[in-house]
Amino acid sequence: MLFTDGLVEASDRDIAEGIDRLTGEADRYVSTGFEGAAWHLIEACAKDVNDDRALLLLSRRH
């Protein structure tokens, strides 16, 4: 998972808190697959951010 700081950083919270929130939300998709996860993660972590939010998820299927 690669992401820009706009997804995890905000003026009212520490960047570490934002990273914890993002990884916590992403953990929910590990066992079920990541289909639709990128949009959910952006909405869950940076819904009201309109600048510098990008996310790349790669998943390998066996």
Foldseek 3Di string as FASTA:
>chain_A
DDKWQLQQDDPVDDSVVSVVQLVVLVVVQPVPHCVVVQVVSSCRRPVPDDPRIDDDDDDDDD
